Amino acid sequence: MIMASRIERPAMLRLTLAVAAATLVSAPSYAAPCKDAKGRFMKCADKAAATSSVTKDAKGKCHIASGPKKGQFTKC
């Protein structure tokens, strides 16, 4: 019995290290939105402008940007 537990410990250690390494490697995908894929900081996009559903055309009139009422005139 003692011999079996000695054989299982290195296998469990390797498995634990493999899971930890996989977790660290996948961490950059959860990085802040103000970082690029290499981890360098970059200018963040303005959230208010990105979520706006109203756009202005060349004449200065406002239109609904998306959804079932796309293209209809609206108040700015």
PDB file of N, CA and C in Angstrom:
ATOM      1  N   MET A   1       0.803  -1.192   0.000  1.00  0.00           N
ATOM      2  CA  MET A   1       0.000   0.000   0.000  1.00  0.00           C
ATOM      3  C   MET A   1       0.855   1.269   0.000  1.00  0.00           C
ATOM      4  N   ILE A   2       1.933   1.251   0.723  1.00  0.00           N
ATOM      5  CA  ILE A   2       2.785   2.428   0.804  1.00  0.00           C
ATOM      6  C   ILE A   2       3.370   2.730  -0.578  1.00  0.00           C
ATOM      7  N   MET A   3       3.727   1.713  -1.307  1.00  0.00           N
ATOM      8  CA  MET A   3       4.313   1.893  -2.624  1.00  0.00           C
ATOM      9  C   MET A   3       3.313   2.515  -3.598  1.00  0.00           C
ATOM     10  N   ALA A   4       2.044   2.144  -3.514  1.00  0.00           N
ATOM     11  CA  ALA A   4       1.026   2.675  -4.418  1.00  0.00           C
ATOM     12  C   ALA A   4       0.832   4.169  -4.196  1.00  0.00           C
ATOM     13  N   SER A   5       0.842   4.612  -2.941  1.00  0.00           N
ATOM     14  CA  SER A   5       0.648   6.031  -2.680  1.00  0.00           C
ATOM     15  C   SER A   5       1.838   6.852  -3.149  1.00  0.00           C
ATOM     16  N   ARG A   6       3.028   6.288  -3.122  1.00  0.00           N
ATOM     17  CA  ARG A   6       4.208   7.001  -3.601  1.00  0.00           C
ATOM     18  C   ARG A   6       4.163   7.151  -5.112  1.00  0.00           C
ATOM     19  N   ILE A   7       3.575   6.220  -5.795  1.00  0.00           N
ATOM     20  CA  ILE A   7       3.473   6.313  -7.251  1.00  0.00           C
ATOM     21  C   ILE A   7       2.398   7.330  -7.644  1.00  0.00           C
ATOM     22  N   GLU A   8       1.316   7.404  -6.894  1.00  0.00           N
ATOM     23  CA  GLU A   8       0.216   8.295  -7.226  1.00  0.00           C
ATOM     24  C   GLU A   8       0.540   9.763  -6.939  1.00  0.00           C
ATOM     25  N   ARG A   9       1.379  10.051  -5.980  1.00  0.00           N
ATOM     26  CA  ARG A   9       1.675  11.439  -5.631  1.00  0.00           C
ATOM     27  C   ARG A   9       2.322  12.213  -6.774  1.00  0.00           C
ATOM     28  N   PRO A  10       3.351  11.696  -7.437  1.00  0.00           N
ATOM     29  CA  PRO A  10       3.927  12.459  -8.560  1.00  0.00           C
ATOM     30  C   PRO A  10       2.925  12.675  -9.688  1.00  0.00           C
ATOM     31  N   ALA A  11       2.047  11.701  -9.919  1.00  0.00           N
ATOM     32  CA  ALA A  11       1.046  11.862 -10.967  1.00  0.00           C
ATOM     33  C   ALA A  11       0.068  12.975 -10.601  1.00  0.00           C
ATOM     34  N   MET A  12      -0.345  13.019  -9.353  1.00  0.00           N
ATOM     35  CA  MET A  12      -1.254  14.080  -8.908  1.00  0.00           C
ATOM     36  C   MET A  12      -0.558  15.444  -8.954  1.00  0.00           C
ATOM     37  N   LEU A  13       0.724  15.462  -8.587  1.00  0.00           N
ATOM     38  CA  LEU A  13       1.486  16.704  -8.638  1.00  0.00           C
ATOM     39  C   LEU A  13       1.576  17.204 -10.077  1.00  0.00           C
ATOM     40  N   ARG A  14       1.867  16.322 -11.023  1.00  0.00           N
ATOM     41  CA  ARG A  14       1.947  16.714 -12.436  1.00  0.00           C
ATOM     42  C   ARG A  14       0.599  17.218 -12.939  1.00  0.00           C
ATOM     43  N   LEU A  15      -0.466  16.531 -12.541  1.00  0.00           N
ATOM     44  CA  LEU A  15      -1.800  16.959 -12.956  1.00  0.00           C
ATOM     45  C   LEU A  15      -2.123  18.339 -12.399  1.00  0.00           C
ATOM     46  N   THR A  16      -1.803  18.569 -11.138  1.00  0.00           N
ATOM     47  CA  THR A  16      -2.055  19.869 -10.518  1.00  0.00           C
ATOM     48  C   THR A  16      -1.245  20.964 -11.203  1.00  0.00           C
ATOM     49  N   LEU A  17       0.011  20.698 -11.500  1.00  0.00           N
ATOM     50  CA  LEU A  17       0.845  21.683 -12.183  1.00  0.00           C
ATOM     51  C   LEU A  17       0.347  21.947 -13.603  1.00  0.00           C
ATOM     52  N   ALA A  18      -0.131  20.923 -14.282  1.00  0.00           N
ATOM     53  CA  ALA A  18      -0.655  21.092 -15.639  1.00  0.00           C
ATOM     54  C   ALA A  18      -1.911  21.964 -15.627  1.00  0.00           C
ATOM     55  N   VAL A  19      -2.779  21.745 -14.660  1.00  0.00           N
ATOM     56  CA  VAL A  19      -3.995  22.557 -14.560  1.00  0.00           C
ATOM     57  C   VAL A  19      -3.634  24.002 -14.217  1.00  0.00           C
ATOM     58  N   ALA A  20      -2.691  24.198 -13.322  1.00  0.00           N
ATOM     59  CA  ALA A  20      -2.268  25.548 -12.956  1.00  0.00           C
ATOM     60  C   ALA A  20      -1.640  26.265 -14.148  1.00  0.00           C
ATOM     61  N   ALA A  21      -0.822  25.561 -14.912  1.00  0.00           N
ATOM     62  CA  ALA A  21      -0.191  26.163 -16.091  1.00  0.00           C
ATOM     63  C   ALA A  21      -1.241  26.530 -17.140  1.00  0.00           C
ATOM     64  N   ALA A  22      -2.222  25.660 -17.334  1.00  0.00           N
ATOM     65  CA  ALA A  22      -3.283  25.951 -18.302  1.00  0.00           C
ATOM     66  C   ALA A  22      -4.091  27.168 -17.872  1.00  0.00           C
ATOM     67  N   THR A  23      -4.298  27.325 -16.588  1.00  0.00           N
ATOM     68  CA  THR A  23      -5.036  28.479 -16.074  1.00  0.00           C
ATOM     69  C   THR A  23      -4.251  29.767 -16.304  1.00  0.00           C
ATOM     70  N   LEU A  24      -2.959  29.729 -16.080  1.00  0.00           N
ATOM     71  CA  LEU A  24      -2.136  30.915 -16.275  1.00  0.00           C
ATOM     72  C   LEU A  24      -2.021  31.293 -17.744  1.00  0.00           C
ATOM     73  N   VAL A  25      -1.983  30.305 -18.609  1.00  0.00           N
ATOM     74  CA  VAL A  25      -1.866  30.579 -20.040  1.00  0.00           C
ATOM     75  C   VAL A  25      -3.157  31.202 -20.567  1.00  0.00           C
ATOM     76  N   SER A  26      -4.297  30.765 -20.070  1.00  0.00           N
ATOM     77  CA  SER A  26      -5.570  31.289 -20.566  1.00  0.00           C
ATOM     78  C   SER A  26      -5.950  32.615 -19.912  1.00  0.00           C
ATOM     79  N   ALA A  27      -5.213  33.082 -18.945  1.00  0.00           N
ATOM     80  CA  ALA A  27      -5.544  34.323 -18.232  1.00  0.00           C
ATOM     81  C   ALA A  27      -5.552  35.557 -19.128  1.00  0.00           C
ATOM     82  N   PRO A  28      -4.664  35.715 -20.127  1.00  0.00           N
ATOM     83  CA  PRO A  28      -4.708  36.927 -20.942  1.00  0.00           C
ATOM     84  C   PRO A  28      -6.025  37.130 -21.689  1.00  0.00           C
ATOM     85  N   SER A  29      -6.784  36.077 -21.924  1.00  0.00           N
ATOM     86  CA  SER A  29      -8.053  36.251 -22.612  1.00  0.00           C
ATOM     87  C   SER A  29      -9.059  36.984 -21.735  1.00  0.00           C
ATOM     88  N   TYR A  30      -8.832  37.005 -20.421  1.00  0.00           N
ATOM     89  CA  TYR A  30      -9.709  37.712 -19.504  1.00  0.00           C
ATOM     90  C   TYR A  30      -9.127  39.062 -19.109  1.00  0.00           C
ATOM     91  N   ALA A  31      -8.131  39.533 -19.821  1.00  0.00           N
ATOM     92  CA  ALA A  31      -7.449  40.771 -19.464  1.00  0.00           C
ATOM     93  C   ALA A  31      -8.376  41.971 -19.620  1.00  0.00           C
ATOM     94  N   ALA A  32      -7.946  43.076 -19.065  1.00  0.00           N
ATOM     95  CA  ALA A  32      -8.734  44.304 -19.141  1.00  0.00           C
ATOM     96  C   ALA A  32      -8.935  44.709 -20.597  1.00  0.00           C
ATOM     97  N   PRO A  33     -10.039  45.355 -20.917  1.00  0.00           N
ATOM     98  CA  PRO A  33     -10.295  45.744 -22.302  1.00  0.00           C
ATOM     99  C   PRO A  33      -9.340  46.824 -22.805  1.00  0.00           C
ATOM    100  N   CYS A  34      -8.593  47.430 -21.920  1.00  0.00           N
ATOM    101  CA  CYS A  34      -7.649  48.467 -22.331  1.00  0.00           C
ATOM    102  C   CYS A  34      -6.259  47.907 -22.601  1.00  0.00           C
ATOM    103  N   LYS A  35      -6.152  46.600 -22.769  1.00  0.00           N
ATOM    104  CA  LYS A  35      -4.883  45.975 -23.103  1.00  0.00           C
ATOM    105  C   LYS A  35      -5.043  45.206 -24.404  1.00  0.00           C
ATOM    106  N   ASP A  36      -3.968  45.149 -25.183  1.00  0.00           N
ATOM    107  CA  ASP A  36      -4.020  44.365 -26.403  1.00  0.00           C
ATOM    108  C   ASP A  36      -3.641  42.917 -26.105  1.00  0.00           C
ATOM    109  N   ALA A  37      -3.528  42.091 -27.134  1.00  0.00           N
ATOM    110  CA  ALA A  37      -3.260  40.665 -26.951  1.00  0.00           C
ATOM    111  C   ALA A  37      -1.898  40.405 -26.305  1.00  0.00           C
ATOM    112  N   LYS A  38      -0.945  41.325 -26.490  1.00  0.00           N
ATOM    113  CA  LYS A  38       0.386  41.152 -25.905  1.00  0.00           C
ATOM    114  C   LYS A  38       0.480  41.699 -24.483  1.00  0.00           C
ATOM    115  N   GLY A  39      -0.605  42.285 -23.968  1.00  0.00           N
ATOM    116  CA  GLY A  39      -0.606  42.787 -22.604  1.00  0.00           C
ATOM    117  C   GLY A  39      -0.211  44.239 -22.464  1.00  0.00           C
ATOM    118  N   ARG A  40       0.026  44.912 -23.590  1.00  0.00           N
ATOM    119  CA  ARG A  40       0.396  46.325 -23.530  1.00  0.00           C
ATOM    120  C   ARG A  40      -0.863  47.175 -23.412  1.00  0.00           C
ATOM    121  N   PHE A  41      -0.749  48.292 -22.673  1.00  0.00           N
ATOM    122  CA  PHE A  41      -1.885  49.189 -22.523  1.00  0.00           C
ATOM    123  C   PHE A  41      -2.121  49.956 -23.804  1.00  0.00           C
ATOM    124  N   MET A  42      -3.397  50.186 -24.113  1.00  0.00           N
ATOM    125  CA  MET A  42      -3.775  50.975 -25.278  1.00  0.00           C
ATOM    126  C   MET A  42      -4.945  51.874 -24.886  1.00  0.00           C
ATOM    127  N   LYS A  43      -5.312  52.778 -25.751  1.00  0.00           N
ATOM    128  CA  LYS A  43      -6.407  53.692 -25.451  1.00  0.00           C
ATOM    129  C   LYS A  43      -7.723  52.929 -25.439  1.00  0.00           C
ATOM    130  N   CYS A  44      -8.502  53.109 -24.367  1.00  0.00           N
ATOM    131  CA  CYS A  44      -9.793  52.427 -24.237  1.00  0.00           C
ATOM    132  C   CYS A  44     -10.838  53.123 -25.090  1.00  0.00           C
ATOM    133  N   ALA A  45     -11.750  52.339 -25.632  1.00  0.00           N
ATOM    134  CA  ALA A  45     -12.860  52.897 -26.386  1.00  0.00           C
ATOM    135  C   ALA A  45     -13.849  53.526 -25.409  1.00  0.00           C
ATOM    136  N   ASP A  46     -14.455  54.619 -25.797  1.00  0.00           N
ATOM    137  CA  ASP A  46     -15.441  55.284 -24.959  1.00  0.00           C
ATOM    138  C   ASP A  46     -16.712  54.442 -24.943  1.00  0.00           C
ATOM    139  N   LYS A  47     -17.127  53.981 -23.762  1.00  0.00           N
ATOM    140  CA  LYS A  47     -18.285  53.097 -23.654  1.00  0.00           C
ATOM    141  C   LYS A  47     -19.568  53.810 -24.044  1.00  0.00           C
ATOM    142  N   ALA A  48     -19.686  55.092 -23.750  1.00  0.00           N
ATOM    143  CA  ALA A  48     -20.909  55.819 -24.074  1.00  0.00           C
ATOM    144  C   ALA A  48     -21.096  55.906 -25.586  1.00  0.00           C
ATOM    145  N   ALA A  49     -20.021  56.121 -26.311  1.00  0.00           N
ATOM    146  CA  ALA A  49     -20.118  56.229 -27.761  1.00  0.00           C
ATOM    147  C   ALA A  49     -20.378  54.860 -28.390  1.00  0.00           C
ATOM    148  N   ALA A  50     -19.856  53.813 -27.793  1.00  0.00           N
ATOM    149  CA  ALA A  50     -20.007  52.471 -28.358  1.00  0.00           C
ATOM    150  C   ALA A  50     -21.423  51.948 -28.185  1.00  0.00           C
ATOM    151  N   THR A  51     -22.121  52.364 -27.137  1.00  0.00           N
ATOM    152  CA  THR A  51     -23.460  51.853 -26.884  1.00  0.00           C
ATOM    153  C   THR A  51     -24.545  52.758 -27.444  1.00  0.00           C
ATOM    154  N   SER A  52     -24.171  53.850 -28.098  1.00  0.00           N
ATOM    155  CA  SER A  52     -25.155  54.774 -28.634  1.00  0.00           C
ATOM    156  C   SER A  52     -25.941  54.120 -29.760  1.00  0.00           C
ATOM    157  N   SER A  53     -27.257  54.306 -29.744  1.00  0.00           N
ATOM    158  CA  SER A  53     -28.082  53.705 -30.787  1.00  0.00           C
ATOM    159  C   SER A  53     -28.579  54.760 -31.764  1.00  0.00           C
ATOM    160  N   VAL A  54     -28.086  56.005 -31.634  1.00  0.00           N
ATOM    161  CA  VAL A  54     -28.493  57.085 -32.521  1.00  0.00           C
ATOM    162  C   VAL A  54     -27.258  57.598 -33.242  1.00  0.00           C
ATOM    163  N   THR A  55     -27.382  57.758 -34.580  1.00  0.00           N
ATOM    164  CA  THR A  55     -26.265  58.273 -35.365  1.00  0.00           C
ATOM    165  C   THR A  55     -26.728  59.478 -36.174  1.00  0.00           C
ATOM    166  N   LYS A  56     -25.774  60.360 -36.505  1.00  0.00           N
ATOM    167  CA  LYS A  56     -26.079  61.525 -37.336  1.00  0.00           C
ATOM    168  C   LYS A  56     -25.594  61.261 -38.758  1.00  0.00           C
ATOM    169  N   ASP A  57     -26.383  61.680 -39.721  1.00  0.00           N
ATOM    170  CA  ASP A  57     -25.953  61.544 -41.107  1.00  0.00           C
ATOM    171  C   ASP A  57     -25.209  62.812 -41.527  1.00  0.00           C
ATOM    172  N   ALA A  58     -24.854  62.913 -42.810  1.00  0.00           N
ATOM    173  CA  ALA A  58     -24.077  64.046 -43.305  1.00  0.00           C
ATOM    174  C   ALA A  58     -24.857  65.356 -43.212  1.00  0.00           C
ATOM    175  N   LYS A  59     -26.177  65.294 -43.245  1.00  0.00           N
ATOM    176  CA  LYS A  59     -27.007  66.497 -43.168  1.00  0.00           C
ATOM    177  C   LYS A  59     -27.273  66.932 -41.734  1.00  0.00           C
ATOM    178  N   GLY A  60     -26.836  66.150 -40.748  1.00  0.00           N
ATOM    179  CA  GLY A  60     -27.018  66.493 -39.349  1.00  0.00           C
ATOM    180  C   GLY A  60     -28.288  65.952 -38.734  1.00  0.00           C
ATOM    181  N   LYS A  61     -29.010  65.095 -39.474  1.00  0.00           N
ATOM    182  CA  LYS A  61     -30.241  64.508 -38.940  1.00  0.00           C
ATOM    183  C   LYS A  61     -29.905  63.217 -38.207  1.00  0.00           C
ATOM    184  N   CYS A  62     -30.641  62.925 -37.150  1.00  0.00           N
ATOM    185  CA  CYS A  62     -30.377  61.740 -36.340  1.00  0.00           C
ATOM    186  C   CYS A  62     -31.248  60.576 -36.785  1.00  0.00           C
ATOM    187  N   HIS A  63     -30.628  59.395 -36.820  1.00  0.00           N
ATOM    188  CA  HIS A  63     -31.311  58.163 -37.200  1.00  0.00           C
ATOM    189  C   HIS A  63     -31.054  57.108 -36.131  1.00  0.00           C
ATOM    190  N   ILE A  64     -31.979  56.173 -35.992  1.00  0.00           N
ATOM    191  CA  ILE A  64     -31.770  55.034 -35.106  1.00  0.00           C
ATOM    192  C   ILE A  64     -30.813  54.081 -35.818  1.00  0.00           C
ATOM    193  N   ALA A  65     -29.744  53.654 -35.125  1.00  0.00           N
ATOM    194  CA  ALA A  65     -28.668  52.894 -35.752  1.00  0.00           C
ATOM    195  C   ALA A  65     -28.991  51.421 -35.939  1.00  0.00           C
ATOM    196  N   SER A  66     -29.722  50.805 -35.015  1.00  0.00           N
ATOM    197  CA  SER A  66     -29.967  49.369 -35.139  1.00  0.00           C
ATOM    198  C   SER A  66     -31.304  49.005 -34.514  1.00  0.00           C
ATOM    199  N   GLY A  67     -31.717  47.784 -34.740  1.00  0.00           N
ATOM    200  CA  GLY A  67     -32.964  47.302 -34.178  1.00  0.00           C
ATOM    201  C   GLY A  67     -34.087  47.356 -35.190  1.00  0.00           C
ATOM    202  N   PRO A  68     -35.302  47.108 -34.751  1.00  0.00           N
ATOM    203  CA  PRO A  68     -36.424  47.065 -35.684  1.00  0.00           C
ATOM    204  C   PRO A  68     -36.772  48.426 -36.294  1.00  0.00           C
ATOM    205  N   LYS A  69     -36.364  49.510 -35.638  1.00  0.00           N
ATOM    206  CA  LYS A  69     -36.646  50.862 -36.162  1.00  0.00           C
ATOM    207  C   LYS A  69     -35.423  51.477 -36.841  1.00  0.00           C
ATOM    208  N   LYS A  70     -34.529  50.663 -37.320  1.00  0.00           N
ATOM    209  CA  LYS A  70     -33.281  51.133 -37.937  1.00  0.00           C
ATOM    210  C   LYS A  70     -33.575  52.064 -39.114  1.00  0.00           C
ATOM    211  N   GLY A  71     -32.890  53.206 -39.100  1.00  0.00           N
ATOM    212  CA  GLY A  71     -33.017  54.161 -40.189  1.00  0.00           C
ATOM    213  C   GLY A  71     -34.090  55.212 -39.972  1.00  0.00           C
ATOM    214  N   GLN A  72     -34.963  55.058 -39.020  1.00  0.00           N
ATOM    215  CA  GLN A  72     -36.018  56.048 -38.783  1.00  0.00           C
ATOM    216  C   GLN A  72     -35.434  57.283 -38.104  1.00  0.00           C
ATOM    217  N   PHE A  73     -36.009  58.433 -38.418  1.00  0.00           N
ATOM    218  CA  PHE A  73     -35.578  59.677 -37.795  1.00  0.00           C
ATOM    219  C   PHE A  73     -35.958  59.687 -36.320  1.00  0.00           C
ATOM    220  N   THR A  74     -35.140  60.329 -35.518  1.00  0.00           N
ATOM    221  CA  THR A  74     -35.396  60.443 -34.083  1.00  0.00           C
ATOM    222  C   THR A  74     -34.798  61.742 -33.568  1.00  0.00           C
ATOM    223  N   LYS A  75     -35.089  62.076 -32.319  1.00  0.00           N
ATOM    224  CA  LYS A  75     -34.502  63.267 -31.700  1.00  0.00           C
ATOM    225  C   LYS A  75     -33.050  62.992 -31.335  1.00  0.00           C
ATOM    226  N   CYS A  76     -32.227  64.029 -31.456  1.00  0.00           N
ATOM    227  CA  CYS A  76     -30.818  63.876 -31.087  1.00  0.00           C
ATOM    228  C   CYS A  76     -30.682  64.033 -29.635  1.00  0.00           C
TER     229      CYS A  76
END
